[in-house]
Amino acid sequence: MRGFPVLFASMALLAAAGSHADEAEDLSGAELYKTFCSSCHGARARGNGPVARTLNVRVPDLTRIAARNGGTFPTEQVRQMIEGRNVPSVHGSRDMPVWGWQFYAFEGEDPVRRARVADLIGRMVDYLASIQRK
């Protein structure tokens, strides 16, 4: 029976991997979160998504980021985690999909696309900041 959750997790990750910046350009931060994060972090971002129980690491509650950071939401750190520029050592290997590169999904440099991706990631960061609880 364990095979089904693993299959489900794989399918969820592949479905999210099929979304690129061109397809996501009109999505809100909440919609981006639902597409790229909720399968692991849960619909309410509390770390209890359907894929979470199949992972070997505990999925964090994203509504408590500020609380874990002395009451201040670390905007730039969160941006860097989504982009894949900063993965804390506590994560060990990169078990969390690094969605920043998925948003880029291209070879080479394109300043227009990079600006669009920065905007998308900014929307997601703003959404995460807006759902913080004490």
C-alpha atoms as a PDB file:
ATOM      1  CA  MET A   1       0.000   0.000   0.000  1.00  0.00           C
ATOM      2  CA  ARG A   2       3.005   2.308   0.499  1.00  0.00           C
ATOM      3  CA  GLY A   3       3.541   2.349  -3.268  1.00  0.00           C
ATOM      4  CA  PHE A   4       0.358   4.346  -3.891  1.00  0.00           C
ATOM      5  CA  PRO A   5       1.404   7.418  -1.843  1.00  0.00           C
ATOM      6  CA  VAL A   6       4.817   7.377  -3.498  1.00  0.00           C
ATOM      7  CA  LEU A   7       3.177   7.159  -6.917  1.00  0.00           C
ATOM      8  CA  PHE A   8       0.805   9.982  -5.944  1.00  0.00           C
ATOM      9  CA  ALA A   9       3.729  12.104  -4.755  1.00  0.00           C
ATOM     10  CA  SER A  10       5.573  11.502  -7.991  1.00  0.00           C
ATOM     11  CA  MET A  11       2.523  12.412 -10.046  1.00  0.00           C
ATOM     12  CA  ALA A  12       1.974  15.614  -8.044  1.00  0.00           C
ATOM     13  CA  LEU A  13       5.579  16.672  -8.529  1.00  0.00           C
ATOM     14  CA  LEU A  14       5.460  15.890 -12.247  1.00  0.00           C
ATOM     15  CA  ALA A  15       2.228  17.852 -12.653  1.00  0.00           C
ATOM     16  CA  ALA A  16       3.781  20.864 -10.965  1.00  0.00           C
ATOM     17  CA  ALA A  17       6.953  20.443 -13.010  1.00  0.00           C
ATOM     18  CA  GLY A  18       4.887  20.840 -16.157  1.00  0.00           C
ATOM     19  CA  SER A  19       4.005  24.426 -15.232  1.00  0.00           C
ATOM     20  CA  HIS A  20       6.340  27.121 -16.439  1.00  0.00           C
ATOM     21  CA  ALA A  21       6.602  30.906 -16.142  1.00  0.00           C
ATOM     22  CA  ASP A  22       4.754  31.438 -19.427  1.00  0.00           C
ATOM     23  CA  GLU A  23       1.777  29.454 -18.126  1.00  0.00           C
ATOM     24  CA  ALA A  24       1.785  31.057 -14.668  1.00  0.00           C
ATOM     25  CA  GLU A  25       2.129  34.704 -15.569  1.00  0.00           C
ATOM     26  CA  ASP A  26      -1.419  35.688 -14.529  1.00  0.00           C
ATOM     27  CA  LEU A  27      -1.585  33.602 -11.346  1.00  0.00           C
ATOM     28  CA  SER A  28      -1.797  35.225  -7.932  1.00  0.00           C
ATOM     29  CA  GLY A  29       0.571  34.291  -5.127  1.00  0.00           C
ATOM     30  CA  ALA A  30      -2.137  32.068  -3.624  1.00  0.00           C
ATOM     31  CA  GLU A  31      -2.656  30.302  -6.958  1.00  0.00           C
ATOM     32  CA  LEU A  32       1.089  29.827  -7.402  1.00  0.00           C
ATOM     33  CA  TYR A  33       1.287  28.382  -3.880  1.00  0.00           C
ATOM     34  CA  LYS A  34      -1.568  25.977  -4.648  1.00  0.00           C
ATOM     35  CA  THR A  35       0.122  24.843  -7.881  1.00  0.00           C
ATOM     36  CA  PHE A  36       3.702  24.479  -6.658  1.00  0.00           C
ATOM     37  CA  CYS A  37       3.606  24.036  -2.872  1.00  0.00           C
ATOM     38  CA  SER A  38       0.331  22.694  -1.515  1.00  0.00           C
ATOM     39  CA  SER A  39       0.949  19.045  -2.383  1.00  0.00           C
ATOM     40  CA  CYS A  40       3.647  18.959   0.307  1.00  0.00           C
ATOM     41  CA  HIS A  41       2.892  21.948   2.543  1.00  0.00           C
ATOM     42  CA  GLY A  42      -0.908  21.556   2.488  1.00  0.00           C
ATOM     43  CA  ALA A  43      -3.821  23.716   1.375  1.00  0.00           C
ATOM     44  CA  ARG A  44      -3.448  25.873   4.503  1.00  0.00           C
ATOM     45  CA  ALA A  45       0.391  25.757   4.412  1.00  0.00           C
ATOM     46  CA  ARG A  46       0.683  23.914   7.707  1.00  0.00           C
ATOM     47  CA  GLY A  47       2.979  21.141   6.477  1.00  0.00           C
ATOM     48  CA  ASN A  48       0.306  18.503   6.077  1.00  0.00           C
ATOM     49  CA  GLY A  49      -0.184  18.156   2.326  1.00  0.00           C
ATOM     50  CA  PRO A  50      -1.045  14.757   0.863  1.00  0.00           C
ATOM     51  CA  VAL A  51       2.567  14.145  -0.172  1.00  0.00           C
ATOM     52  CA  ALA A  52       4.030  15.119   3.239  1.00  0.00           C
ATOM     53  CA  ARG A  53       3.449  11.738   4.861  1.00  0.00           C
ATOM     54  CA  THR A  54       5.464   9.990   2.133  1.00  0.00           C
ATOM     55  CA  LEU A  55       8.594  12.086   2.713  1.00  0.00           C
ATOM     56  CA  ASN A  56      11.484  11.228   5.024  1.00  0.00           C
ATOM     57  CA  VAL A  57      11.707  14.815   6.298  1.00  0.00           C
ATOM     58  CA  ARG A  58       9.143  16.831   8.207  1.00  0.00           C
ATOM     59  CA  VAL A  59       7.478  19.410   5.971  1.00  0.00           C
ATOM     60  CA  PRO A  60       7.467  22.788   7.725  1.00  0.00           C
ATOM     61  CA  ASP A  61       4.423  24.855   8.602  1.00  0.00           C
ATOM     62  CA  LEU A  62       4.806  27.877   6.312  1.00  0.00           C
ATOM     63  CA  THR A  63       2.353  29.942   8.366  1.00  0.00           C
ATOM     64  CA  ARG A  64       4.919  30.083  11.198  1.00  0.00           C
ATOM     65  CA  ILE A  65       7.963  31.341   9.271  1.00  0.00           C
ATOM     66  CA  ALA A  66       7.870  34.741  10.993  1.00  0.00           C
ATOM     67  CA  ALA A  67       7.278  33.166  14.417  1.00  0.00           C
ATOM     68  CA  ARG A  68      10.370  30.992  13.927  1.00  0.00           C
ATOM     69  CA  ASN A  69      12.300  34.135  12.976  1.00  0.00           C
ATOM     70  CA  GLY A  70      11.618  36.249  16.058  1.00  0.00           C
ATOM     71  CA  GLY A  71       8.346  37.661  14.694  1.00  0.00           C
ATOM     72  CA  THR A  72       9.790  39.071  11.462  1.00  0.00           C
ATOM     73  CA  PHE A  73       9.100  37.530   8.077  1.00  0.00           C
ATOM     74  CA  PRO A  74      12.502  36.987   6.375  1.00  0.00           C
ATOM     75  CA  THR A  75      11.450  38.060   2.885  1.00  0.00           C
ATOM     76  CA  GLU A  76      14.820  37.724   1.165  1.00  0.00           C
ATOM     77  CA  GLN A  77      15.593  34.345   2.764  1.00  0.00           C
ATOM     78  CA  VAL A  78      12.241  32.965   1.634  1.00  0.00           C
ATOM     79  CA  ARG A  79      12.817  34.314  -1.885  1.00  0.00           C
ATOM     80  CA  GLN A  80      16.248  32.662  -1.977  1.00  0.00           C
ATOM     81  CA  MET A  81      14.799  29.330  -0.804  1.00  0.00           C
ATOM     82  CA  ILE A  82      12.180  29.347  -3.552  1.00  0.00           C
ATOM     83  CA  GLU A  83      14.801  30.309  -6.129  1.00  0.00           C
ATOM     84  CA  GLY A  84      17.141  27.616  -4.832  1.00  0.00           C
ATOM     85  CA  ARG A  85      19.952  30.055  -3.972  1.00  0.00           C
ATOM     86  CA  ASN A  86      19.746  29.319  -0.246  1.00  0.00           C
ATOM     87  CA  VAL A  87      18.927  25.895   1.117  1.00  0.00           C
ATOM     88  CA  PRO A  88      19.571  25.761   4.892  1.00  0.00           C
ATOM     89  CA  SER A  89      21.888  23.034   6.148  1.00  0.00           C
ATOM     90  CA  VAL A  90      19.049  21.630   8.243  1.00  0.00           C
ATOM     91  CA  HIS A  91      17.464  20.519   4.958  1.00  0.00           C
ATOM     92  CA  GLY A  92      20.491  18.353   4.246  1.00  0.00           C
ATOM     93  CA  SER A  93      20.169  17.479   0.584  1.00  0.00           C
ATOM     94  CA  ARG A  94      17.809  19.369  -1.688  1.00  0.00           C
ATOM     95  CA  ASP A  95      14.762  17.250  -0.857  1.00  0.00           C
ATOM     96  CA  MET A  96      12.469  20.202  -1.500  1.00  0.00           C
ATOM     97  CA  PRO A  97      11.974  20.814  -5.205  1.00  0.00           C
ATOM     98  CA  VAL A  98      13.699  24.037  -6.161  1.00  0.00           C
ATOM     99  CA  TRP A  99      10.920  25.807  -7.969  1.00  0.00           C
ATOM    100  CA  GLY A 100      12.923  28.860  -9.003  1.00  0.00           C
ATOM    101  CA  TRP A 101      14.577  26.920 -11.823  1.00  0.00           C
ATOM    102  CA  GLN A 102      11.258  25.355 -12.778  1.00  0.00           C
ATOM    103  CA  PHE A 103       9.861  28.843 -13.252  1.00  0.00           C
ATOM    104  CA  TYR A 104      12.785  29.651 -15.549  1.00  0.00           C
ATOM    105  CA  ALA A 105      12.565  26.365 -17.500  1.00  0.00           C
ATOM    106  CA  PHE A 106      14.847  27.479 -20.306  1.00  0.00           C
ATOM    107  CA  GLU A 107      18.450  27.368 -21.432  1.00  0.00           C
ATOM    108  CA  GLY A 108      20.433  30.594 -21.509  1.00  0.00           C
ATOM    109  CA  GLU A 109      19.678  34.106 -20.367  1.00  0.00           C
ATOM    110  CA  ASP A 110      16.565  36.096 -21.177  1.00  0.00           C
ATOM    111  CA  PRO A 111      16.193  39.330 -19.163  1.00  0.00           C
ATOM    112  CA  VAL A 112      12.469  39.654 -19.906  1.00  0.00           C
ATOM    113  CA  ARG A 113      11.769  36.129 -18.721  1.00  0.00           C
ATOM    114  CA  ARG A 114      13.995  36.593 -15.664  1.00  0.00           C
ATOM    115  CA  ALA A 115      11.983  39.698 -14.731  1.00  0.00           C
ATOM    116  CA  ARG A 116       8.720  37.752 -15.148  1.00  0.00           C
ATOM    117  CA  VAL A 117      10.041  34.926 -12.978  1.00  0.00           C
ATOM    118  CA  ALA A 118      11.206  37.387 -10.317  1.00  0.00           C
ATOM    119  CA  ASP A 119       7.681  38.806 -10.305  1.00  0.00           C
ATOM    120  CA  LEU A 120       6.122  35.340  -9.926  1.00  0.00           C
ATOM    121  CA  ILE A 121       8.430  34.437  -7.068  1.00  0.00           C
ATOM    122  CA  GLY A 122       7.704  37.832  -5.487  1.00  0.00           C
ATOM    123  CA  ARG A 123       3.978  37.067  -5.623  1.00  0.00           C
ATOM    124  CA  MET A 124       4.527  33.770  -3.855  1.00  0.00           C
ATOM    125  CA  VAL A 125       6.745  35.378  -1.201  1.00  0.00           C
ATOM    126  CA  ASP A 126       4.127  38.100  -0.626  1.00  0.00           C
ATOM    127  CA  TYR A 127       1.450  35.428  -0.269  1.00  0.00           C
ATOM    128  CA  LEU A 128       3.526  33.529   2.283  1.00  0.00           C
ATOM    129  CA  ALA A 129       4.093  36.742   4.218  1.00  0.00           C
ATOM    130  CA  SER A 130       0.336  37.384   4.221  1.00  0.00           C
ATOM    131  CA  ILE A 131      -0.565  34.028   5.814  1.00  0.00           C
ATOM    132  CA  GLN A 132       1.731  34.255   8.822  1.00  0.00           C
ATOM    133  CA  ARG A 133       0.174  33.515  12.208  1.00  0.00           C
ATOM    134  CA  LYS A 134       1.481  33.963  15.714  1.00  0.00           C
END
